[in-house]
Protein backbone atom coordinates (compact mmCIF):
# COMPACT_ATOMS: atom_id res chain seq x y z
CA MET A 1 -81.25 -40.18 -23.46
CA SER A 2 -80.12 -38.06 -20.74
CA GLY A 3 -79.74 -34.18 -21.37
CA ARG A 4 -76.58 -33.80 -19.27
CA THR A 5 -73.40 -32.68 -20.89
CA ALA A 6 -69.90 -33.90 -19.90
CA GLY A 7 -67.58 -31.34 -18.49
CA PHE A 8 -65.87 -29.89 -15.26
CA THR A 9 -67.65 -28.77 -12.11
CA LEU A 10 -66.65 -25.57 -10.62
CA VAL A 11 -65.17 -27.44 -7.75
CA GLU A 12 -62.82 -29.46 -10.14
CA LEU A 13 -62.15 -26.22 -11.83
CA LEU A 14 -60.89 -24.53 -8.65
CA VAL A 15 -58.82 -27.58 -7.53
CA GLY A 16 -57.11 -27.52 -10.90
CA ILE A 17 -56.26 -23.65 -10.67
CA VAL A 18 -54.90 -24.36 -7.01
CA PHE A 19 -52.75 -27.33 -8.36
CA LEU A 20 -51.42 -25.23 -11.09
CA ALA A 21 -50.62 -22.28 -8.83
CA VAL A 22 -48.92 -24.38 -6.39
CA PHE A 23 -47.04 -26.06 -9.03
CA GLY A 24 -45.97 -22.92 -10.57
CA LEU A 25 -44.88 -21.57 -7.29
CA ALA A 26 -42.75 -24.65 -6.85
CA VAL A 27 -41.11 -24.36 -10.02
CA HIS A 28 -40.51 -20.49 -9.56
CA GLN A 29 -38.81 -21.07 -6.23
CA PHE A 30 -36.66 -24.13 -7.59
CA CYS A 31 -35.63 -21.80 -10.54
CA THR A 32 -34.81 -19.02 -8.16
CA ALA A 33 -32.83 -21.20 -5.92
CA LEU A 34 -30.74 -22.50 -8.99
CA LEU A 35 -30.10 -19.05 -10.49
CA ARG A 36 -28.93 -17.91 -6.97
CA GLY A 37 -26.29 -21.13 -6.62
CA VAL A 38 -25.17 -20.30 -10.21
CA ARG A 39 -24.52 -16.65 -9.14
CA VAL A 40 -22.71 -17.65 -6.27
CA LEU A 41 -20.52 -20.05 -8.11
CA GLU A 42 -19.82 -17.20 -10.54
CA LEU A 43 -18.68 -14.90 -7.91
CA ALA A 44 -16.68 -17.32 -6.10
CA SER A 45 -14.94 -18.07 -9.33
CA GLU A 46 -14.29 -14.37 -10.25
CA ALA A 47 -13.03 -13.74 -6.61
CA GLN A 48 -10.62 -16.68 -6.78
CA GLU A 49 -9.28 -15.64 -10.21
CA ALA A 50 -8.84 -12.07 -8.98
CA ALA A 51 -7.01 -13.20 -5.93
CA ARG A 52 -4.83 -15.69 -7.71
CA LEU A 53 -3.61 -13.09 -10.23
CA GLY A 54 -3.02 -10.45 -7.56
CA VAL A 55 -0.84 -13.16 -5.66
CA GLN A 56 1.10 -14.08 -8.79
CA LEU A 57 1.83 -10.39 -9.49
CA ILE A 58 3.03 -9.91 -5.87
CA VAL A 59 4.96 -13.19 -6.09
CA ALA A 60 6.59 -12.08 -9.07
CA ASP A 61 7.65 -8.61 -8.04
CA ALA A 62 9.01 -9.94 -4.57
CA ARG A 63 11.18 -12.48 -6.27
CA GLU A 64 12.98 -9.59 -7.98
CA ALA A 65 13.72 -7.60 -4.54
CA GLY A 66 17.40 -6.51 -4.81
CA PHE A 67 18.17 -7.96 -8.19
CA SER A 68 20.73 -6.12 -10.40
CA PRO A 69 22.73 -7.51 -13.08
CA ALA A 70 25.79 -5.83 -11.54
CA GLY A 71 25.35 -7.74 -8.42
CA PRO A 72 22.53 -7.96 -5.57
CA LEU A 73 21.29 -4.71 -4.28
CA SER A 74 21.69 -4.36 -0.39
CA ASP A 75 18.33 -2.59 0.11
CA GLY A 76 16.18 -4.51 -2.30
CA ILE A 77 13.34 -4.46 0.33
CA ARG A 78 12.55 -1.03 1.53
CA ARG A 79 9.55 -1.71 3.66
CA ALA A 80 8.27 -4.97 5.28
CA GLY A 81 5.33 -5.07 7.31
CA SER A 82 2.41 -7.30 7.93
CA ASP A 83 0.33 -5.36 5.66
CA VAL A 84 3.12 -3.63 3.44
CA LEU A 85 5.72 -4.59 1.12
CA ALA A 86 7.84 -2.14 -0.82
CA ILE A 87 10.78 -3.53 -3.21
CA ALA A 88 13.54 -2.20 -5.52
CA ARG A 89 15.41 -3.83 -8.32
CA ASP A 90 17.91 -2.71 -10.97
CA LEU A 91 16.35 -4.17 -13.74
CA ASP A 92 18.25 -2.42 -16.75
CA GLY A 93 21.75 -2.89 -15.01
CA ASP A 94 22.39 1.11 -14.89
CA GLY A 95 23.34 1.04 -11.31
CA ASP A 96 20.16 2.75 -9.83
CA VAL A 97 16.46 2.19 -9.16
CA ASP A 98 15.29 5.55 -10.45
CA ASP A 99 13.16 4.27 -13.18
CA GLN A 100 9.37 3.62 -12.83
CA SER A 101 9.20 -0.07 -13.15
CA GLU A 102 12.28 -0.57 -10.73
CA ARG A 103 10.30 0.31 -7.46
CA VAL A 104 6.98 -1.38 -6.45
CA ALA A 105 5.17 -0.90 -3.27
CA TYR A 106 2.14 -2.91 -2.17
CA GLU A 107 -0.13 -1.73 0.94
CA TYR A 108 -3.44 -2.82 2.43
CA ALA A 109 -5.84 0.04 2.75
CA SER A 110 -8.07 -1.18 5.73
CA ASP A 111 -10.55 1.55 5.29
CA ARG A 112 -11.02 0.69 1.73
CA HIS A 113 -10.84 -3.11 2.18
CA ALA A 114 -8.48 -2.80 -0.96
CA LEU A 115 -4.72 -3.69 -1.80
CA LEU A 116 -3.06 -0.83 -3.24
CA ARG A 117 0.08 -0.94 -5.77
CA ALA A 118 2.16 1.95 -6.42
CA GLN A 119 4.96 1.68 -9.13
CA GLY A 120 7.86 4.23 -8.93
CA ASP A 121 6.63 7.83 -7.87
CA ALA A 122 3.00 7.20 -9.26
CA PRO A 123 0.19 7.31 -6.81
CA ALA A 124 -1.03 4.05 -5.48
CA GLN A 125 -3.73 2.42 -7.50
CA PRO A 126 -6.10 -0.27 -6.36
CA LEU A 127 -5.03 -3.92 -7.15
CA LEU A 128 -7.57 -5.89 -5.60
CA ALA A 129 -10.86 -4.83 -4.07
CA ASP A 130 -13.53 -6.44 -1.90
CA LEU A 131 -11.08 -7.76 0.73
CA ASP A 132 -11.72 -9.13 4.14
CA ASP A 133 -11.04 -7.43 7.39
CA ASP A 134 -7.47 -8.97 7.26
CA GLY A 135 -7.38 -9.31 3.73
CA VAL A 136 -3.60 -9.30 3.01
CA ALA A 137 -0.81 -10.87 5.15
CA PHE A 138 2.79 -10.75 4.47
CA ALA A 139 5.33 -12.87 6.32
CA TYR A 140 9.03 -12.88 5.94
CA LEU A 141 11.55 -15.74 6.50
CA ASP A 142 15.44 -15.78 6.88
CA ALA A 143 17.95 -18.02 5.33
CA ASP A 144 17.17 -20.89 7.93
CA GLY A 145 13.47 -20.69 7.18
CA ALA A 146 12.67 -18.89 10.49
CA LEU A 147 9.91 -16.25 10.64
CA LEU A 148 11.07 -12.81 11.19
CA PRO A 149 9.12 -10.87 14.11
CA ALA A 150 5.76 -9.81 12.78
CA GLY A 151 3.64 -6.89 13.76
CA SER A 152 5.43 -3.42 13.16
CA GLU A 153 7.40 -2.93 10.05
CA LEU A 154 11.04 -4.58 10.04
CA ASP A 155 13.86 -2.49 10.51
CA GLY A 156 16.92 -2.38 7.99
CA GLU A 157 18.85 -5.24 9.70
CA GLN A 158 15.82 -7.56 9.80
CA ARG A 159 14.87 -6.65 6.12
CA ALA A 160 18.58 -7.49 5.19
CA ARG A 161 17.92 -11.06 6.60
CA ILE A 162 14.76 -11.74 4.33
CA ARG A 163 15.18 -14.46 1.77
CA ARG A 164 11.68 -15.57 1.20
CA VAL A 165 8.24 -13.47 1.25
CA THR A 166 4.83 -15.05 1.69
CA VAL A 167 1.70 -13.34 0.73
CA ARG A 168 -1.84 -14.43 1.82
CA VAL A 169 -4.86 -12.80 0.21
CA ARG A 170 -8.45 -13.23 1.30
CA VAL A 171 -11.37 -11.74 -0.77
CA ALA A 172 -14.95 -11.36 0.92
CA ILE A 173 -17.41 -10.57 -1.62
CA ARG A 174 -20.78 -9.23 -0.06
CA ARG A 175 -23.78 -10.72 -1.59
CA THR A 176 -26.84 -8.52 -2.92
CA ASP A 177 -29.26 -11.11 -1.74
CA PRO A 178 -30.64 -10.08 1.66
CA ALA A 179 -31.38 -13.83 2.60
CA PHE A 180 -27.60 -14.28 2.85
CA ASN A 181 -25.56 -12.03 5.24
CA GLN A 182 -22.29 -14.07 4.96
CA PRO A 183 -20.05 -12.84 2.12
CA ILE A 184 -18.30 -15.33 -0.10
CA ARG A 185 -14.73 -15.89 1.09
CA VAL A 186 -11.89 -17.09 -1.07
CA GLU A 187 -8.15 -16.94 -0.33
CA GLN A 188 -4.91 -17.43 -2.29
CA ALA A 189 -1.37 -17.74 -1.04
CA GLY A 190 1.93 -17.67 -2.68
CA THR A 191 5.81 -17.65 -1.78
CA ALA A 192 8.60 -15.71 -3.43
CA THR A 193 12.18 -16.80 -3.05
CA LEU A 194 14.43 -13.66 -3.66
CA ARG A 195 16.27 -13.87 -6.92
CA ASN A 196 19.19 -12.11 -5.03
CA VAL A 197 19.78 -15.21 -2.95
CA ALA A 198 20.92 -17.20 -5.63
CA GLU A 199 23.18 -14.14 -7.11
CA ARG A 200 24.67 -14.15 -3.42
CA MET A 201 25.57 -17.74 -3.47
CA LYS A 202 27.37 -17.44 -6.85
């Protein structure tokens, strides 16, 4: 009988340790990539939902521009530009637009990358943050569907011709992961047909 006992040599143990380390590193990298992908999907979903709700609110307000139970207002759209929209509506039918809820203004603050919303005489508050450099774009169409001139704000005569308002919102969320310098971008758009158009046709 031999006195030799069965077991692992030092070389075999080192090889096993190296194999386990490589396997552990591969699992760690896989899990990190998986978690990073999940986080990107979460951020994109949150941005998409925020942009969608923002566009829905703008469209709902724009649709009411110029509305009054007593008959359409002549100055329902108070400001109209590529990055600003201000509307008025007589919701309670008292003949004026002095109530807080009857005047709403939206404006893109490029220095803050945010869309601001002001109601009545209250200070403007952020509605959407983390917007792209051209994060908000309003466009205006007349009764024939022709696009009214873009650029600077429209004058009173041009504003009176507006029958539809379109809005496009683009969110760009910066990633905290230094390995990725491209932000996550999502876009939402909507169109509002002014309610007072139907009133004028009656």
